[in-house]
Amino acid sequence: MLFVEADDLVAEGRATLDRLSGLLEALLGAFEPEGVAVPESLSERLKASRGGLEAVVKGAARDAMQH
């Protein structure tokens, strides 16, 4: 019984990770310049786009504070 519950939790965790990875892939794609080669792994894509994403977040925070 315990193994069945653990398997269910693992399957649920994998499904959630797959769903979030898809959303993250879409978000990263919106900030990656066209025509530029991008790394294939999600972790490498996150590292490569970190500066751009930080600038967007800071800009959004600044805009929110002004309104």
Protein backbone atom coordinates (compact mmCIF):
# COMPACT_ATOMS: atom_id res chain seq x y z
CA MET A 1 0.00 0.00 0.00
CA LEU A 2 2.81 2.42 0.87
CA PHE A 3 4.57 1.76 -2.44
CA VAL A 4 1.37 2.44 -4.37
CA GLU A 5 0.98 5.79 -2.62
CA ALA A 6 4.63 6.65 -3.28
CA ASP A 7 4.24 5.73 -6.96
CA ASP A 8 1.13 7.90 -7.17
CA LEU A 9 3.00 10.83 -5.62
CA VAL A 10 5.91 10.38 -8.02
CA ALA A 11 3.56 10.26 -11.01
CA GLU A 12 1.73 13.35 -9.79
CA GLY A 13 5.03 15.17 -9.25
CA ARG A 14 6.24 14.28 -12.74
CA ALA A 15 2.98 15.47 -14.30
CA THR A 16 3.25 18.78 -12.43
CA LEU A 17 6.88 19.18 -13.45
CA ASP A 18 6.02 18.48 -17.09
CA ARG A 19 3.20 21.05 -16.99
CA LEU A 20 5.37 23.71 -15.36
CA SER A 21 8.27 22.97 -17.71
CA GLY A 22 5.98 23.57 -20.68
CA LEU A 23 4.86 26.89 -19.25
CA LEU A 24 8.44 27.89 -18.52
CA GLU A 25 9.51 26.93 -22.04
CA ALA A 26 6.80 29.24 -23.43
CA LEU A 27 7.83 32.08 -21.13
CA LEU A 28 11.50 31.74 -22.04
CA GLY A 29 10.62 31.61 -25.72
CA ALA A 30 8.95 35.01 -25.42
CA PHE A 31 12.21 36.58 -24.22
CA GLU A 32 14.70 34.80 -26.46
CA PRO A 33 15.79 36.77 -29.53
CA GLU A 34 14.81 35.31 -32.89
CA GLY A 35 17.54 33.78 -34.98
CA VAL A 36 19.83 33.13 -32.03
CA ALA A 37 20.77 29.57 -31.14
CA VAL A 38 19.43 28.64 -27.73
CA PRO A 39 20.58 25.82 -25.47
CA GLU A 40 18.41 22.74 -25.52
CA SER A 41 18.25 22.01 -21.81
CA LEU A 42 15.82 23.99 -19.73
CA SER A 43 18.40 24.75 -17.05
CA GLU A 44 20.83 26.16 -19.65
CA ARG A 45 18.04 28.25 -21.17
CA LEU A 46 17.24 29.66 -17.73
CA LYS A 47 20.88 30.58 -17.17
CA ALA A 48 21.15 32.20 -20.60
CA SER A 49 18.02 34.33 -20.19
CA ARG A 50 18.47 35.27 -16.55
CA GLY A 51 19.69 38.83 -17.21
CA GLY A 52 16.85 39.61 -19.60
CA LEU A 53 14.24 38.23 -17.25
CA GLU A 54 15.69 40.20 -14.32
CA ALA A 55 15.45 43.42 -16.36
CA VAL A 56 11.80 42.72 -17.19
CA VAL A 57 10.94 42.00 -13.56
CA LYS A 58 12.72 45.14 -12.34
CA GLY A 59 10.97 47.23 -14.98
CA ALA A 60 7.59 45.79 -14.04
CA ALA A 61 8.24 46.44 -10.35
CA ARG A 62 9.29 50.01 -11.11
CA ASP A 63 6.15 50.56 -13.20
CA ALA A 64 3.94 49.12 -10.46
CA MET A 65 5.47 51.47 -7.88
CA GLN A 66 4.79 54.49 -10.09
CA HIS A 67 1.09 53.68 -10.39
